[in-house]
Structure formats: C-alpha cells, structure tokens
Amino acid sequence: LVDDVARAPVAEIGPIIERHETFPRRVNVGFAALRDRRHVDLRVFERGVGETLACGSGAAAAMAVLRRRELVDDDVEVALPGGTLVLSWNGQAEAPVWLTGPATTVFNGWIDL
C-alpha cells in the first residue's frame, strides 16, 4: 500500500522486488492506494515487462488482499493508468473474483518466421 500511486516509486522499487531471491520465477509488483472502501488506485510493474497500463490479475490480487484485510467492500473500482476495472468478490476462498472493464487494442504487429 502507498499513499499516492502517482508518487509511488514504481520504476525504482518494482524491478528490485520483481527479481528478489524470494521469487525465483520473478513476480508482478502492485502499488495500491486506497481512496475509500469502493475505490482503489493501482500501478503495476509486471515481471519481464515493466510498468503496464492495466493488469487484470494485478487488480484482482490487490482487491483480494484489501478485501481479506477488510479494507474494501465486495465491489470495488480499481483505477489503473489505462482505465478503470470493476471487481467483485465476497471474500470467500472458493468464490470467484469477477472482473469487468474495457478491452482496447494497443498494438498490432507482424513477424516473419
């Protein structure tokens, strides 16, 4: 958790945690700021990639951690640099985390093999 994702040291701390010896296969690193029980701001440093505009699995993980700590309600809006996702989870381990949000193409390319 951070106070403000805009000032979070994502580029500095993200790669250090991503490659820490605790995570031999590396790890995604999320920086979340709790606005209130229904709104979270999030930036994600994704393993092998760097900071990403959006990360559905990162948003779900952040929501689950905050829900388990009873800091958020069952329904949360997670704002990422690339857009806002809506997540729902009742906190029960066997229950699915539901995620909805926009999907946008950000790159097209060709490769000759």
C-alpha atoms as a PDB file:
ATOM      1  CA  LEU A   1       0.000   0.000   0.000  1.00  0.00           C
ATOM      2  CA  VAL A   2       1.137   3.517  -0.818  1.00  0.00           C
ATOM      3  CA  ASP A   3      -0.365   6.913  -0.039  1.00  0.00           C
ATOM      4  CA  ASP A   4      -0.409   8.088  -3.661  1.00  0.00           C
ATOM      5  CA  VAL A   5       0.220   5.925  -6.737  1.00  0.00           C
ATOM      6  CA  ALA A   6       1.291   8.960  -8.764  1.00  0.00           C
ATOM      7  CA  ARG A   7       4.283   9.357  -6.449  1.00  0.00           C
ATOM      8  CA  ALA A   8       4.928   5.643  -5.878  1.00  0.00           C
ATOM      9  CA  PRO A   9       8.498   4.594  -6.796  1.00  0.00           C
ATOM     10  CA  VAL A  10       7.302   2.003  -9.315  1.00  0.00           C
ATOM     11  CA  ALA A  11      10.318   2.251 -11.648  1.00  0.00           C
ATOM     12  CA  GLU A  12      12.796   2.130  -8.770  1.00  0.00           C
ATOM     13  CA  ILE A  13      11.325  -0.480  -6.414  1.00  0.00           C
ATOM     14  CA  GLY A  14       9.354  -2.582  -8.922  1.00  0.00           C
ATOM     15  CA  PRO A  15      12.401  -4.219 -10.542  1.00  0.00           C
ATOM     16  CA  ILE A  16      14.054  -4.851  -7.174  1.00  0.00           C
ATOM     17  CA  ILE A  17      11.034  -6.726  -5.807  1.00  0.00           C
ATOM     18  CA  GLU A  18      10.359  -8.438  -9.162  1.00  0.00           C
ATOM     19  CA  ARG A  19      13.814 -10.054  -9.081  1.00  0.00           C
ATOM     20  CA  HIS A  20      14.174 -10.594  -5.326  1.00  0.00           C
ATOM     21  CA  GLU A  21      15.541 -14.020  -4.366  1.00  0.00           C
ATOM     22  CA  THR A  22      12.246 -14.810  -2.608  1.00  0.00           C
ATOM     23  CA  PHE A  23      10.683 -15.018  -6.096  1.00  0.00           C
ATOM     24  CA  PRO A  24      12.925 -17.302  -8.208  1.00  0.00           C
ATOM     25  CA  ARG A  25      10.480 -17.101 -11.144  1.00  0.00           C
ATOM     26  CA  ARG A  26      10.037 -13.342 -10.606  1.00  0.00           C
ATOM     27  CA  VAL A  27       6.814 -11.610  -9.623  1.00  0.00           C
ATOM     28  CA  ASN A  28       4.436  -8.793 -10.558  1.00  0.00           C
ATOM     29  CA  VAL A  29       4.575  -5.869  -8.139  1.00  0.00           C
ATOM     30  CA  GLY A  30       1.475  -3.786  -7.390  1.00  0.00           C
ATOM     31  CA  PHE A  31       1.361  -0.345  -5.783  1.00  0.00           C
ATOM     32  CA  ALA A  32      -2.144   0.363  -4.477  1.00  0.00           C
ATOM     33  CA  ALA A  33      -3.620   3.450  -2.841  1.00  0.00           C
ATOM     34  CA  LEU A  34      -6.929   3.112  -1.034  1.00  0.00           C
ATOM     35  CA  ARG A  35      -9.227   6.081  -1.741  1.00  0.00           C
ATOM     36  CA  ASP A  36     -12.200   4.621   0.149  1.00  0.00           C
ATOM     37  CA  ARG A  37     -13.918   1.248   0.631  1.00  0.00           C
ATOM     38  CA  ARG A  38     -15.066   1.166  -3.007  1.00  0.00           C
ATOM     39  CA  HIS A  39     -12.198   2.861  -4.881  1.00  0.00           C
ATOM     40  CA  VAL A  40      -8.555   1.865  -5.280  1.00  0.00           C
ATOM     41  CA  ASP A  41      -5.806   3.375  -7.439  1.00  0.00           C
ATOM     42  CA  LEU A  42      -3.237   0.904  -8.773  1.00  0.00           C
ATOM     43  CA  ARG A  43       0.003   0.833 -10.743  1.00  0.00           C
ATOM     44  CA  VAL A  44       1.640  -2.478 -11.656  1.00  0.00           C
ATOM     45  CA  PHE A  45       5.228  -3.355 -12.506  1.00  0.00           C
ATOM     46  CA  GLU A  46       4.779  -6.563 -14.482  1.00  0.00           C
ATOM     47  CA  ARG A  47       7.527  -9.176 -14.447  1.00  0.00           C
ATOM     48  CA  GLY A  48       9.643  -9.117 -17.557  1.00  0.00           C
ATOM     49  CA  VAL A  49       7.771  -6.106 -18.948  1.00  0.00           C
ATOM     50  CA  GLY A  50       7.953  -3.122 -16.614  1.00  0.00           C
ATOM     51  CA  GLU A  51       5.086  -0.839 -15.732  1.00  0.00           C
ATOM     52  CA  THR A  52       1.894  -1.630 -17.655  1.00  0.00           C
ATOM     53  CA  LEU A  53      -1.188   0.460 -18.418  1.00  0.00           C
ATOM     54  CA  ALA A  54      -3.504  -2.181 -16.992  1.00  0.00           C
ATOM     55  CA  CYS A  55      -3.272  -5.575 -15.321  1.00  0.00           C
ATOM     56  CA  GLY A  56      -6.431  -7.556 -14.608  1.00  0.00           C
ATOM     57  CA  SER A  57      -4.689 -10.175 -12.500  1.00  0.00           C
ATOM     58  CA  GLY A  58      -2.918  -7.420 -10.564  1.00  0.00           C
ATOM     59  CA  ALA A  59      -6.212  -5.639  -9.946  1.00  0.00           C
ATOM     60  CA  ALA A  60      -7.772  -8.905  -8.745  1.00  0.00           C
ATOM     61  CA  ALA A  61      -4.820  -9.591  -6.453  1.00  0.00           C
ATOM     62  CA  ALA A  62      -4.929  -6.075  -4.987  1.00  0.00           C
ATOM     63  CA  MET A  63      -8.684  -6.336  -4.436  1.00  0.00           C
ATOM     64  CA  ALA A  64      -8.315  -9.750  -2.772  1.00  0.00           C
ATOM     65  CA  VAL A  65      -5.571  -8.565  -0.410  1.00  0.00           C
ATOM     66  CA  LEU A  66      -7.523  -5.454   0.544  1.00  0.00           C
ATOM     67  CA  ARG A  67     -10.753  -7.450   0.952  1.00  0.00           C
ATOM     68  CA  ARG A  68      -9.028 -10.022   3.196  1.00  0.00           C
ATOM     69  CA  ARG A  69      -7.766  -7.133   5.319  1.00  0.00           C
ATOM     70  CA  GLU A  70     -11.366  -5.812   5.432  1.00  0.00           C
ATOM     71  CA  LEU A  71     -10.289  -2.503   3.894  1.00  0.00           C
ATOM     72  CA  VAL A  72     -12.698  -2.660   0.933  1.00  0.00           C
ATOM     73  CA  ASP A  73     -16.240  -3.837   0.260  1.00  0.00           C
ATOM     74  CA  ASP A  74     -17.327  -6.715  -2.002  1.00  0.00           C
ATOM     75  CA  ASP A  75     -17.484  -4.408  -5.056  1.00  0.00           C
ATOM     76  CA  VAL A  76     -14.534  -2.162  -5.899  1.00  0.00           C
ATOM     77  CA  GLU A  77     -13.476   0.099  -8.752  1.00  0.00           C
ATOM     78  CA  VAL A  78      -9.753  -0.188  -9.437  1.00  0.00           C
ATOM     79  CA  ALA A  79      -8.316   2.732 -11.416  1.00  0.00           C
ATOM     80  CA  LEU A  80      -5.191   1.972 -13.427  1.00  0.00           C
ATOM     81  CA  PRO A  81      -3.355   4.277 -15.877  1.00  0.00           C
ATOM     82  CA  GLY A  82      -5.113   2.528 -18.792  1.00  0.00           C
ATOM     83  CA  GLY A  83      -8.642   2.637 -17.388  1.00  0.00           C
ATOM     84  CA  THR A  84     -10.915   1.529 -14.590  1.00  0.00           C
ATOM     85  CA  LEU A  85     -11.885  -2.049 -13.790  1.00  0.00           C
ATOM     86  CA  VAL A  86     -14.798  -3.168 -11.625  1.00  0.00           C
ATOM     87  CA  LEU A  87     -14.133  -6.138  -9.359  1.00  0.00           C
ATOM     88  CA  SER A  88     -16.478  -8.171  -7.186  1.00  0.00           C
ATOM     89  CA  TRP A  89     -15.513 -10.739  -4.567  1.00  0.00           C
ATOM     90  CA  ASN A  90     -17.246 -11.746  -1.348  1.00  0.00           C
ATOM     91  CA  GLY A  91     -14.001 -12.704   0.407  1.00  0.00           C
ATOM     92  CA  GLN A  92     -14.682 -16.446   0.434  1.00  0.00           C
ATOM     93  CA  ALA A  93     -11.692 -18.511  -0.752  1.00  0.00           C
ATOM     94  CA  GLU A  94     -13.755 -20.760  -3.041  1.00  0.00           C
ATOM     95  CA  ALA A  95     -15.676 -17.879  -4.645  1.00  0.00           C
ATOM     96  CA  PRO A  96     -14.517 -16.403  -7.950  1.00  0.00           C
ATOM     97  CA  VAL A  97     -13.280 -12.841  -8.321  1.00  0.00           C
ATOM     98  CA  TRP A  98     -15.351 -11.180 -11.051  1.00  0.00           C
ATOM     99  CA  LEU A  99     -13.695  -8.527 -13.184  1.00  0.00           C
ATOM    100  CA  THR A 100     -15.267  -6.289 -15.798  1.00  0.00           C
ATOM    101  CA  GLY A 101     -13.834  -3.448 -17.807  1.00  0.00           C
ATOM    102  CA  PRO A 102     -12.947  -2.247 -21.277  1.00  0.00           C
ATOM    103  CA  ALA A 103     -10.531  -4.018 -23.605  1.00  0.00           C
ATOM    104  CA  THR A 104      -8.586  -1.932 -26.106  1.00  0.00           C
ATOM    105  CA  THR A 105      -6.047  -2.933 -28.735  1.00  0.00           C
ATOM    106  CA  VAL A 106      -2.795  -1.132 -28.001  1.00  0.00           C
ATOM    107  CA  PHE A 107      -0.544  -2.833 -30.546  1.00  0.00           C
ATOM    108  CA  ASN A 108      -0.682  -4.754 -33.803  1.00  0.00           C
ATOM    109  CA  GLY A 109       2.351  -6.316 -35.431  1.00  0.00           C
ATOM    110  CA  TRP A 110       3.702  -8.881 -37.848  1.00  0.00           C
ATOM    111  CA  ILE A 111       6.657 -11.202 -37.621  1.00  0.00           C
ATOM    112  CA  ASP A 112       8.193 -13.276 -40.395  1.00  0.00           C
ATOM    113  CA  LEU A 113       9.275 -16.709 -39.189  1.00  0.00           C
END
